[in-house]
C-alpha atoms as a PDB file:
ATOM      1  CA  MET A   1       0.000   0.000   0.000  1.00  0.00           C
ATOM      2  CA  VAL A   2       1.182   3.482  -0.854  1.00  0.00           C
ATOM      3  CA  GLN A   3       0.561   6.541   1.300  1.00  0.00           C
ATOM      4  CA  ILE A   4       0.952  10.201   0.432  1.00  0.00           C
ATOM      5  CA  TRP A   5       1.485  12.900   3.043  1.00  0.00           C
ATOM      6  CA  HIS A   6      -0.545  15.550   1.321  1.00  0.00           C
ATOM      7  CA  ASN A   7      -1.135  19.275   1.586  1.00  0.00           C
ATOM      8  CA  PRO A   8      -3.951  20.170  -0.840  1.00  0.00           C
ATOM      9  CA  ARG A   9      -2.689  23.765  -1.109  1.00  0.00           C
ATOM     10  CA  CYS A  10       0.721  22.645  -2.423  1.00  0.00           C
ATOM     11  CA  SER A  11       1.098  22.294  -6.197  1.00  0.00           C
ATOM     12  CA  LYS A  12       3.869  19.675  -5.832  1.00  0.00           C
ATOM     13  CA  SER A  13       1.686  17.668  -3.494  1.00  0.00           C
ATOM     14  CA  ARG A  14      -1.254  17.865  -5.889  1.00  0.00           C
ATOM     15  CA  ALA A  15       1.039  16.748  -8.733  1.00  0.00           C
ATOM     16  CA  SER A  16       2.171  13.660  -6.813  1.00  0.00           C
ATOM     17  CA  LEU A  17      -1.441  12.880  -5.933  1.00  0.00           C
ATOM     18  CA  GLU A  18      -2.303  13.054  -9.630  1.00  0.00           C
ATOM     19  CA  VAL A  19       0.557  10.676 -10.473  1.00  0.00           C
ATOM     20  CA  LEU A  20      -0.813   8.190  -7.939  1.00  0.00           C
ATOM     21  CA  GLN A  21      -4.340   8.513  -9.340  1.00  0.00           C
ATOM     22  CA  ASN A  22      -3.159   8.108 -12.936  1.00  0.00           C
ATOM     23  CA  ALA A  23      -1.041   5.101 -12.046  1.00  0.00           C
ATOM     24  CA  SER A  24      -4.152   3.322 -10.799  1.00  0.00           C
ATOM     25  CA  GLN A  25      -2.097   2.797  -7.667  1.00  0.00           C
ATOM     26  CA  GLU A  26      -4.016   1.963  -4.514  1.00  0.00           C
ATOM     27  CA  PHE A  27      -3.090   4.562  -1.912  1.00  0.00           C
ATOM     28  CA  THR A  28      -4.167   6.399   1.195  1.00  0.00           C
ATOM     29  CA  THR A  29      -3.936  10.119   1.826  1.00  0.00           C
ATOM     30  CA  TYR A  30      -2.642  11.506   5.101  1.00  0.00           C
ATOM     31  CA  LYS A  31      -3.282  15.205   5.627  1.00  0.00           C
ATOM     32  CA  TYR A  32      -0.465  15.750   8.094  1.00  0.00           C
ATOM     33  CA  LEU A  33      -1.381  19.408   8.681  1.00  0.00           C
ATOM     34  CA  ASP A  34      -4.790  18.331  10.008  1.00  0.00           C
ATOM     35  CA  GLU A  35      -3.432  15.582  12.256  1.00  0.00           C
ATOM     36  CA  SER A  36       0.183  16.066  13.353  1.00  0.00           C
ATOM     37  CA  PRO A  37       2.333  12.956  13.072  1.00  0.00           C
ATOM     38  CA  SER A  38       3.746  11.523  16.286  1.00  0.00           C
ATOM     39  CA  ILE A  39       7.444  11.522  17.079  1.00  0.00           C
ATOM     40  CA  GLU A  40       7.516   7.765  16.398  1.00  0.00           C
ATOM     41  CA  VAL A  41       5.909   8.196  12.978  1.00  0.00           C
ATOM     42  CA  ILE A  42       8.369  10.928  12.027  1.00  0.00           C
ATOM     43  CA  GLU A  43      11.309   8.777  13.147  1.00  0.00           C
ATOM     44  CA  ASP A  44       9.965   5.948  10.974  1.00  0.00           C
ATOM     45  CA  ILE A  45       9.585   8.269   7.966  1.00  0.00           C
ATOM     46  CA  LEU A  46      13.131   9.569   8.408  1.00  0.00           C
ATOM     47  CA  LYS A  47      14.425   5.984   8.305  1.00  0.00           C
ATOM     48  CA  LYS A  48      12.437   5.270   5.155  1.00  0.00           C
ATOM     49  CA  LEU A  49      13.673   8.489   3.556  1.00  0.00           C
ATOM     50  CA  ASN A  50      17.212   7.868   4.840  1.00  0.00           C
ATOM     51  CA  ILE A  51      17.631  11.529   5.798  1.00  0.00           C
ATOM     52  CA  SER A  52      18.014  13.602   8.954  1.00  0.00           C
ATOM     53  CA  ALA A  53      15.233  15.608  10.574  1.00  0.00           C
ATOM     54  CA  LYS A  54      16.806  18.857   9.418  1.00  0.00           C
ATOM     55  CA  GLU A  55      16.815  17.605   5.813  1.00  0.00           C
ATOM     56  CA  LEU A  56      13.050  17.064   6.087  1.00  0.00           C
ATOM     57  CA  MET A  57      12.445  20.644   7.183  1.00  0.00           C
ATOM     58  CA  ARG A  58      11.125  23.482   5.075  1.00  0.00           C
ATOM     59  CA  LYS A  59      13.765  26.073   5.849  1.00  0.00           C
ATOM     60  CA  GLY A  60      11.821  28.934   4.272  1.00  0.00           C
ATOM     61  CA  GLU A  61       8.951  28.725   6.758  1.00  0.00           C
ATOM     62  CA  ASP A  62       8.638  31.586   9.243  1.00  0.00           C
ATOM     63  CA  ILE A  63       8.487  29.130  12.152  1.00  0.00           C
ATOM     64  CA  TYR A  64      11.911  27.765  11.129  1.00  0.00           C
ATOM     65  CA  LYS A  65      13.384  31.230  11.522  1.00  0.00           C
ATOM     66  CA  GLU A  66      11.367  32.103  14.645  1.00  0.00           C
ATOM     67  CA  LEU A  67      12.582  28.985  16.456  1.00  0.00           C
ATOM     68  CA  ASP A  68      16.168  29.551  15.215  1.00  0.00           C
ATOM     69  CA  ILE A  69      16.259  25.940  14.057  1.00  0.00           C
ATOM     70  CA  LYS A  70      19.373  26.434  11.921  1.00  0.00           C
ATOM     71  CA  ASN A  71      21.379  26.414  15.179  1.00  0.00           C
ATOM     72  CA  ILE A  72      19.785  23.234  16.582  1.00  0.00           C
ATOM     73  CA  GLU A  73      21.687  20.024  15.926  1.00  0.00           C
ATOM     74  CA  ASP A  74      20.059  17.599  18.406  1.00  0.00           C
ATOM     75  CA  GLU A  75      18.088  15.103  16.271  1.00  0.00           C
ATOM     76  CA  THR A  76      15.653  14.346  19.108  1.00  0.00           C
ATOM     77  CA  VAL A  77      14.802  18.030  19.480  1.00  0.00           C
ATOM     78  CA  LEU A  78      14.412  18.425  15.706  1.00  0.00           C
ATOM     79  CA  VAL A  79      12.052  15.439  15.442  1.00  0.00           C
ATOM     80  CA  LYS A  80       9.967  16.852  18.301  1.00  0.00           C
ATOM     81  CA  LEU A  81       9.794  20.202  16.490  1.00  0.00           C
ATOM     82  CA  LEU A  82       8.572  18.465  13.320  1.00  0.00           C
ATOM     83  CA  SER A  83       5.853  16.709  15.309  1.00  0.00           C
ATOM     84  CA  GLU A  84       4.779  19.920  17.039  1.00  0.00           C
ATOM     85  CA  ASN A  85       5.005  22.042  13.868  1.00  0.00           C
ATOM     86  CA  PRO A  86       3.971  19.904  10.883  1.00  0.00           C
ATOM     87  CA  LYS A  87       4.123  22.968   8.646  1.00  0.00           C
ATOM     88  CA  LEU A  88       7.906  22.440   8.786  1.00  0.00           C
ATOM     89  CA  ILE A  89       7.628  19.060   7.039  1.00  0.00           C
ATOM     90  CA  GLU A  90       8.737  19.053   3.404  1.00  0.00           C
ATOM     91  CA  ARG A  91       6.030  17.801   1.098  1.00  0.00           C
ATOM     92  CA  PRO A  92       4.760  15.675  -0.372  1.00  0.00           C
ATOM     93  CA  ILE A  93       6.080  12.466   1.121  1.00  0.00           C
ATOM     94  CA  ILE A  94       5.198   9.270  -0.687  1.00  0.00           C
ATOM     95  CA  ILE A  95       5.658   6.015   1.218  1.00  0.00           C
ATOM     96  CA  LYS A  96       5.699   2.559  -0.315  1.00  0.00           C
ATOM     97  CA  GLY A  97       6.571  -0.297   2.004  1.00  0.00           C
ATOM     98  CA  ASP A  98       9.898   0.370   3.687  1.00  0.00           C
ATOM     99  CA  LYS A  99      10.847   3.176   1.292  1.00  0.00           C
ATOM    100  CA  ALA A 100       9.771   6.779   0.972  1.00  0.00           C
ATOM    101  CA  VAL A 101      10.576   9.809  -1.145  1.00  0.00           C
ATOM    102  CA  ILE A 102       9.891  13.499  -1.084  1.00  0.00           C
ATOM    103  CA  GLY A 103       7.919  14.171  -4.255  1.00  0.00           C
ATOM    104  CA  ARG A 104      10.125  17.075  -5.353  1.00  0.00           C
ATOM    105  CA  PRO A 105      10.817  16.728  -8.204  1.00  0.00           C
ATOM    106  CA  ILE A 106       7.803  14.704  -9.364  1.00  0.00           C
ATOM    107  CA  GLU A 107      10.190  12.144 -10.868  1.00  0.00           C
ATOM    108  CA  ASN A 108      10.891  10.935  -7.314  1.00  0.00           C
ATOM    109  CA  THR A 109       7.270   9.844  -7.005  1.00  0.00           C
ATOM    110  CA  ILE A 110       7.289   8.178 -10.419  1.00  0.00           C
ATOM    111  CA  GLU A 111      10.502   6.291  -9.644  1.00  0.00           C
ATOM    112  CA  LEU A 112       9.215   5.011  -6.290  1.00  0.00           C
ATOM    113  CA  LEU A 113       6.075   3.632  -7.931  1.00  0.00           C
ATOM    114  CA  LYS A 114       8.162   1.697 -10.484  1.00  0.00           C
ATOM    115  CA  ASN A 115       9.895  -0.308  -7.758  1.00  0.00           C
END
């Protein structure tokens, strides 16, 4: 089963959703801004993405600057911040089994579905 972490207001997220729909791929949609992911879920996603918490963050968001996140290096603190502030999470995230990708560029989504 495939899952997309989706923000309907994001054009990249909508594009990945369209790829999933056109691929006739069975999937679920998780609107992470409506229901914040737990720390455990974020840790699992980071493993599937094979990236750090800071790499998953949207550095252009005001909250990133307000919290002075660029100077935080503690992974536990960063994961907690992602859970508490889901707006910081880069999008879309597409998960398939034990792998995940950030759907930017859209080719990442297409490639994940091939495997």
